[in-house]
Amino acid sequence: MYIVEITTITNPAEVSYEFGSLDEVKIFLEKNREILQSYVVVHKNGNIVKL
């Protein structure tokens, strides 16, 4: 499981989403790239994942 914490241009508050695979994370980030201000991907074991 992966947790993605994001802020967007339209919502500067941090929001978290959970995904079951890294491929799902990549698809989500690609679809929302234009509005993303920042993001952090964290594996369920607590390690930050660099994409």
C-alpha atoms as a PDB file:
ATOM      1  CA  MET A   1       0.000   0.000   0.000  1.00  0.00           C
ATOM      2  CA  TYR A   2       1.128   3.516  -0.814  1.00  0.00           C
ATOM      3  CA  ILE A   3      -0.051   6.825   0.596  1.00  0.00           C
ATOM      4  CA  VAL A   4       0.178   9.966  -1.526  1.00  0.00           C
ATOM      5  CA  GLU A   5       0.016  13.320   0.250  1.00  0.00           C
ATOM      6  CA  ILE A   6      -0.695  16.186  -2.125  1.00  0.00           C
ATOM      7  CA  THR A   7      -1.415  19.886  -2.289  1.00  0.00           C
ATOM      8  CA  THR A   8      -2.984  21.386  -5.397  1.00  0.00           C
ATOM      9  CA  ILE A   9      -3.305  24.806  -6.948  1.00  0.00           C
ATOM     10  CA  THR A  10      -7.022  24.832  -6.100  1.00  0.00           C
ATOM     11  CA  ASN A  11      -6.643  23.333  -2.588  1.00  0.00           C
ATOM     12  CA  PRO A  12      -3.483  24.270  -0.661  1.00  0.00           C
ATOM     13  CA  ALA A  13      -4.506  22.047   2.289  1.00  0.00           C
ATOM     14  CA  GLU A  14      -2.734  18.681   2.365  1.00  0.00           C
ATOM     15  CA  VAL A  15      -4.888  15.734   1.254  1.00  0.00           C
ATOM     16  CA  SER A  16      -3.981  12.019   1.438  1.00  0.00           C
ATOM     17  CA  TYR A  17      -4.965   9.154  -0.861  1.00  0.00           C
ATOM     18  CA  GLU A  18      -4.251   5.437  -0.509  1.00  0.00           C
ATOM     19  CA  PHE A  19      -3.282   3.197  -3.421  1.00  0.00           C
ATOM     20  CA  GLY A  20      -2.605  -0.524  -3.653  1.00  0.00           C
ATOM     21  CA  SER A  21       0.263  -0.378  -6.141  1.00  0.00           C
ATOM     22  CA  LEU A  22       2.952   1.954  -7.398  1.00  0.00           C
ATOM     23  CA  ASP A  23       1.420   1.785 -10.894  1.00  0.00           C
ATOM     24  CA  GLU A  24      -1.838   3.226  -9.509  1.00  0.00           C
ATOM     25  CA  VAL A  25       0.157   6.041  -7.894  1.00  0.00           C
ATOM     26  CA  LYS A  26       1.921   6.862 -11.172  1.00  0.00           C
ATOM     27  CA  ILE A  27      -1.390   6.921 -13.092  1.00  0.00           C
ATOM     28  CA  PHE A  28      -2.962   9.222 -10.476  1.00  0.00           C
ATOM     29  CA  LEU A  29      -0.019  11.637 -10.528  1.00  0.00           C
ATOM     30  CA  GLU A  30       0.067  11.708 -14.336  1.00  0.00           C
ATOM     31  CA  LYS A  31      -3.671  12.435 -14.601  1.00  0.00           C
ATOM     32  CA  ASN A  32      -3.425  15.257 -12.059  1.00  0.00           C
ATOM     33  CA  ARG A  33      -0.002  16.677 -12.946  1.00  0.00           C
ATOM     34  CA  GLU A  34      -1.374  20.041 -14.126  1.00  0.00           C
ATOM     35  CA  ILE A  35      -2.997  20.907 -10.783  1.00  0.00           C
ATOM     36  CA  LEU A  36      -0.442  19.390  -8.407  1.00  0.00           C
ATOM     37  CA  GLN A  37       1.584  21.845  -6.391  1.00  0.00           C
ATOM     38  CA  SER A  38       3.503  19.241  -4.410  1.00  0.00           C
ATOM     39  CA  TYR A  39       3.308  15.580  -3.493  1.00  0.00           C
ATOM     40  CA  VAL A  40       4.992  12.947  -1.356  1.00  0.00           C
ATOM     41  CA  VAL A  41       4.635   9.191  -1.876  1.00  0.00           C
ATOM     42  CA  VAL A  42       5.080   7.038   1.234  1.00  0.00           C
ATOM     43  CA  HIS A  43       5.130   3.222   1.376  1.00  0.00           C
ATOM     44  CA  LYS A  44       3.075   1.635   4.157  1.00  0.00           C
ATOM     45  CA  ASN A  45       6.337   0.804   5.969  1.00  0.00           C
ATOM     46  CA  GLY A  46       7.053   4.546   6.284  1.00  0.00           C
ATOM     47  CA  ASN A  47       9.724   4.899   3.581  1.00  0.00           C
ATOM     48  CA  ILE A  48       9.417   7.815   1.179  1.00  0.00           C
ATOM     49  CA  VAL A  49       9.287   6.649  -2.449  1.00  0.00           C
ATOM     50  CA  LYS A  50      11.063   8.721  -5.090  1.00  0.00           C
ATOM     51  CA  LEU A  51       9.438   8.692  -8.526  1.00  0.00           C
END
